Amino acid sequence: MLAALIRPVESHTVEVAGISLDEVYSQIESHAPDGFDLVSAPVRMLKGAQGIEATARFDRRDGVRQIEADDMAALEAQIPEGWQMLSVWSS
Protein backbone atom coordinates (compact mmCIF):
# COMPACT_ATOMS: atom_id res chain seq x y z
CA MET A 1 0.00 0.00 0.00
CA LEU A 2 1.25 3.49 -0.88
CA ALA A 3 0.30 6.83 0.65
CA ALA A 4 0.94 10.35 -0.63
CA LEU A 5 0.47 13.95 0.39
CA ILE A 6 -1.13 16.23 -2.19
CA ARG A 7 -2.02 19.93 -2.26
CA PRO A 8 -3.73 22.35 -4.65
CA VAL A 9 -1.60 24.27 -7.14
CA GLU A 10 -2.69 27.91 -7.35
CA SER A 11 -0.88 31.23 -7.80
CA HIS A 12 -1.91 34.84 -7.29
CA THR A 13 0.03 37.80 -8.74
CA VAL A 14 -0.20 41.47 -7.79
CA GLU A 15 1.56 44.60 -9.11
CA VAL A 16 2.55 47.29 -6.60
CA ALA A 17 4.51 50.55 -6.79
CA GLY A 18 5.98 52.94 -4.26
CA ILE A 19 8.75 55.35 -3.40
CA SER A 20 10.74 53.02 -1.11
CA LEU A 21 11.31 49.30 -0.63
CA ASP A 22 9.56 49.49 2.75
CA GLU A 23 6.46 50.98 1.11
CA VAL A 24 6.46 48.36 -1.68
CA TYR A 25 6.89 45.44 0.73
CA SER A 26 4.18 46.82 3.00
CA GLN A 27 1.80 46.86 0.03
CA ILE A 28 2.84 43.31 -0.91
CA GLU A 29 2.09 42.07 2.62
CA SER A 30 -1.35 43.69 2.52
CA HIS A 31 -2.21 41.74 -0.67
CA ALA A 32 -1.22 38.30 0.68
CA PRO A 33 -4.23 35.96 0.48
CA ASP A 34 -4.85 33.50 3.34
CA GLY A 35 -3.13 30.16 2.74
CA PHE A 36 -0.65 31.65 0.25
CA ASP A 37 3.08 32.31 0.71
CA LEU A 38 5.11 34.97 -1.07
CA VAL A 39 7.49 33.15 -3.44
CA SER A 40 8.78 35.96 -5.63
CA ALA A 41 8.79 39.78 -5.63
CA PRO A 42 11.41 41.22 -7.99
CA VAL A 43 11.57 45.01 -7.93
CA ARG A 44 12.50 47.40 -10.73
CA MET A 45 12.95 51.14 -11.10
CA LEU A 46 10.12 53.10 -12.71
CA LYS A 47 11.11 54.57 -16.08
CA GLY A 48 10.89 58.33 -16.24
CA ALA A 49 9.60 58.65 -12.67
CA GLN A 50 10.81 58.38 -9.12
CA GLY A 51 10.02 55.13 -7.38
CA ILE A 52 10.02 51.38 -7.81
CA GLU A 53 7.50 48.73 -8.73
CA ALA A 54 7.26 45.02 -8.01
CA THR A 55 5.39 42.00 -9.26
CA ALA A 56 4.62 39.80 -6.27
CA ARG A 57 3.73 36.14 -6.76
CA PHE A 58 1.99 34.15 -4.05
CA ASP A 59 1.57 30.35 -4.22
CA ARG A 60 -1.02 28.36 -2.28
CA ARG A 61 0.57 26.28 0.49
CA ASP A 62 -2.46 25.09 2.47
CA GLY A 63 -5.00 22.38 1.78
CA VAL A 64 -2.64 19.41 2.15
CA ARG A 65 -4.37 16.04 2.32
CA GLN A 66 -3.39 12.38 2.28
CA ILE A 67 -4.43 9.75 -0.29
CA GLU A 68 -3.77 5.98 -0.39
CA ALA A 69 -3.67 3.31 -3.13
CA ASP A 70 -2.26 -0.14 -3.89
CA ASP A 71 0.25 1.06 -6.52
CA MET A 72 1.72 4.23 -8.03
CA ALA A 73 -0.61 4.28 -11.05
CA ALA A 74 -3.68 4.08 -8.81
CA LEU A 75 -2.22 6.77 -6.55
CA GLU A 76 -1.60 9.13 -9.49
CA ALA A 77 -5.14 8.49 -10.77
CA GLN A 78 -6.53 9.92 -7.52
CA ILE A 79 -4.80 13.30 -7.90
CA PRO A 80 -7.48 15.85 -8.89
CA GLU A 81 -6.88 18.36 -11.69
CA GLY A 82 -5.01 21.37 -10.29
CA TRP A 83 -3.31 19.41 -7.47
CA GLN A 84 0.26 18.17 -7.09
CA MET A 85 1.85 15.26 -5.27
CA LEU A 86 4.32 16.32 -2.59
CA SER A 87 5.60 12.99 -1.26
CA VAL A 88 4.99 9.23 -1.45
CA TRP A 89 5.73 6.50 1.08
CA SER A 90 4.93 2.86 1.71
CA SER A 91 2.30 2.39 4.38
C-alpha atoms as a PDB file:
ATOM      1  CA  MET A   1       0.000   0.000   0.000  1.00  0.00           C
ATOM      2  CA  LEU A   2       1.249   3.488  -0.878  1.00  0.00           C
ATOM      3  CA  ALA A   3       0.300   6.825   0.646  1.00  0.00           C
ATOM      4  CA  ALA A   4       0.943  10.345  -0.630  1.00  0.00           C
ATOM      5  CA  LEU A   5       0.473  13.950   0.392  1.00  0.00           C
ATOM      6  CA  ILE A   6      -1.133  16.232  -2.190  1.00  0.00           C
ATOM      7  CA  ARG A   7      -2.021  19.934  -2.260  1.00  0.00           C
ATOM      8  CA  PRO A   8      -3.730  22.349  -4.651  1.00  0.00           C
ATOM      9  CA  VAL A   9      -1.604  24.273  -7.141  1.00  0.00           C
ATOM     10  CA  GLU A  10      -2.686  27.906  -7.347  1.00  0.00           C
ATOM     11  CA  SER A  11      -0.877  31.231  -7.804  1.00  0.00           C
ATOM     12  CA  HIS A  12      -1.906  34.837  -7.290  1.00  0.00           C
ATOM     13  CA  THR A  13       0.030  37.805  -8.735  1.00  0.00           C
ATOM     14  CA  VAL A  14      -0.199  41.473  -7.786  1.00  0.00           C
ATOM     15  CA  GLU A  15       1.560  44.600  -9.110  1.00  0.00           C
ATOM     16  CA  VAL A  16       2.548  47.292  -6.603  1.00  0.00           C
ATOM     17  CA  ALA A  17       4.511  50.551  -6.793  1.00  0.00           C
ATOM     18  CA  GLY A  18       5.976  52.939  -4.261  1.00  0.00           C
ATOM     19  CA  ILE A  19       8.746  55.349  -3.403  1.00  0.00           C
ATOM     20  CA  SER A  20      10.736  53.021  -1.105  1.00  0.00           C
ATOM     21  CA  LEU A  21      11.306  49.297  -0.635  1.00  0.00           C
ATOM     22  CA  ASP A  22       9.562  49.494   2.746  1.00  0.00           C
ATOM     23  CA  GLU A  23       6.461  50.980   1.105  1.00  0.00           C
ATOM     24  CA  VAL A  24       6.464  48.355  -1.677  1.00  0.00           C
ATOM     25  CA  TYR A  25       6.894  45.436   0.733  1.00  0.00           C
ATOM     26  CA  SER A  26       4.177  46.825   3.000  1.00  0.00           C
ATOM     27  CA  GLN A  27       1.795  46.856   0.033  1.00  0.00           C
ATOM     28  CA  ILE A  28       2.836  43.312  -0.909  1.00  0.00           C
ATOM     29  CA  GLU A  29       2.089  42.068   2.621  1.00  0.00           C
ATOM     30  CA  SER A  30      -1.354  43.691   2.521  1.00  0.00           C
ATOM     31  CA  HIS A  31      -2.212  41.740  -0.671  1.00  0.00           C
ATOM     32  CA  ALA A  32      -1.220  38.297   0.678  1.00  0.00           C
ATOM     33  CA  PRO A  33      -4.234  35.957   0.478  1.00  0.00           C
ATOM     34  CA  ASP A  34      -4.853  33.497   3.344  1.00  0.00           C
ATOM     35  CA  GLY A  35      -3.133  30.164   2.737  1.00  0.00           C
ATOM     36  CA  PHE A  36      -0.655  31.646   0.251  1.00  0.00           C
ATOM     37  CA  ASP A  37       3.076  32.309   0.706  1.00  0.00           C
ATOM     38  CA  LEU A  38       5.113  34.975  -1.069  1.00  0.00           C
ATOM     39  CA  VAL A  39       7.493  33.145  -3.438  1.00  0.00           C
ATOM     40  CA  SER A  40       8.778  35.965  -5.633  1.00  0.00           C
ATOM     41  CA  ALA A  41       8.789  39.776  -5.629  1.00  0.00           C
ATOM     42  CA  PRO A  42      11.413  41.216  -7.989  1.00  0.00           C
ATOM     43  CA  VAL A  43      11.569  45.013  -7.932  1.00  0.00           C
ATOM     44  CA  ARG A  44      12.498  47.404 -10.732  1.00  0.00           C
ATOM     45  CA  MET A  45      12.950  51.137 -11.102  1.00  0.00           C
ATOM     46  CA  LEU A  46      10.121  53.097 -12.708  1.00  0.00           C
ATOM     47  CA  LYS A  47      11.106  54.567 -16.083  1.00  0.00           C
ATOM     48  CA  GLY A  48      10.886  58.334 -16.241  1.00  0.00           C
ATOM     49  CA  ALA A  49       9.601  58.654 -12.671  1.00  0.00           C
ATOM     50  CA  GLN A  50      10.809  58.383  -9.116  1.00  0.00           C
ATOM     51  CA  GLY A  51      10.018  55.125  -7.382  1.00  0.00           C
ATOM     52  CA  ILE A  52      10.018  51.383  -7.808  1.00  0.00           C
ATOM     53  CA  GLU A  53       7.497  48.728  -8.733  1.00  0.00           C
ATOM     54  CA  ALA A  54       7.264  45.015  -8.012  1.00  0.00           C
ATOM     55  CA  THR A  55       5.387  42.000  -9.258  1.00  0.00           C
ATOM     56  CA  ALA A  56       4.621  39.796  -6.266  1.00  0.00           C
ATOM     57  CA  ARG A  57       3.725  36.140  -6.760  1.00  0.00           C
ATOM     58  CA  PHE A  58       1.986  34.150  -4.049  1.00  0.00           C
ATOM     59  CA  ASP A  59       1.571  30.348  -4.218  1.00  0.00           C
ATOM     60  CA  ARG A  60      -1.018  28.356  -2.284  1.00  0.00           C
ATOM     61  CA  ARG A  61       0.567  26.280   0.486  1.00  0.00           C
ATOM     62  CA  ASP A  62      -2.458  25.091   2.470  1.00  0.00           C
ATOM     63  CA  GLY A  63      -5.004  22.376   1.778  1.00  0.00           C
ATOM     64  CA  VAL A  64      -2.643  19.409   2.145  1.00  0.00           C
ATOM     65  CA  ARG A  65      -4.375  16.043   2.318  1.00  0.00           C
ATOM     66  CA  GLN A  66      -3.386  12.375   2.277  1.00  0.00           C
ATOM     67  CA  ILE A  67      -4.429   9.746  -0.286  1.00  0.00           C
ATOM     68  CA  GLU A  68      -3.767   5.980  -0.395  1.00  0.00           C
ATOM     69  CA  ALA A  69      -3.674   3.307  -3.127  1.00  0.00           C
ATOM     70  CA  ASP A  70      -2.259  -0.141  -3.890  1.00  0.00           C
ATOM     71  CA  ASP A  71       0.247   1.059  -6.517  1.00  0.00           C
ATOM     72  CA  MET A  72       1.722   4.232  -8.026  1.00  0.00           C
ATOM     73  CA  ALA A  73      -0.606   4.282 -11.046  1.00  0.00           C
ATOM     74  CA  ALA A  74      -3.685   4.079  -8.809  1.00  0.00           C
ATOM     75  CA  LEU A  75      -2.222   6.768  -6.548  1.00  0.00           C
ATOM     76  CA  GLU A  76      -1.601   9.134  -9.488  1.00  0.00           C
ATOM     77  CA  ALA A  77      -5.137   8.492 -10.773  1.00  0.00           C
ATOM     78  CA  GLN A  78      -6.528   9.924  -7.523  1.00  0.00           C
ATOM     79  CA  ILE A  79      -4.803  13.297  -7.895  1.00  0.00           C
ATOM     80  CA  PRO A  80      -7.476  15.848  -8.889  1.00  0.00           C
ATOM     81  CA  GLU A  81      -6.882  18.364 -11.685  1.00  0.00           C
ATOM     82  CA  GLY A  82      -5.012  21.371 -10.291  1.00  0.00           C
ATOM     83  CA  TRP A  83      -3.306  19.413  -7.475  1.00  0.00           C
ATOM     84  CA  GLN A  84       0.259  18.169  -7.089  1.00  0.00           C
ATOM     85  CA  MET A  85       1.850  15.261  -5.275  1.00  0.00           C
ATOM     86  CA  LEU A  86       4.322  16.316  -2.589  1.00  0.00           C
ATOM     87  CA  SER A  87       5.604  12.988  -1.256  1.00  0.00           C
ATOM     88  CA  VAL A  88       4.991   9.231  -1.447  1.00  0.00           C
ATOM     89  CA  TRP A  89       5.729   6.500   1.076  1.00  0.00           C
ATOM     90  CA  SER A  90       4.928   2.864   1.710  1.00  0.00           C
ATOM     91  CA  SER A  91       2.300   2.391   4.385  1.00  0.00           C
END
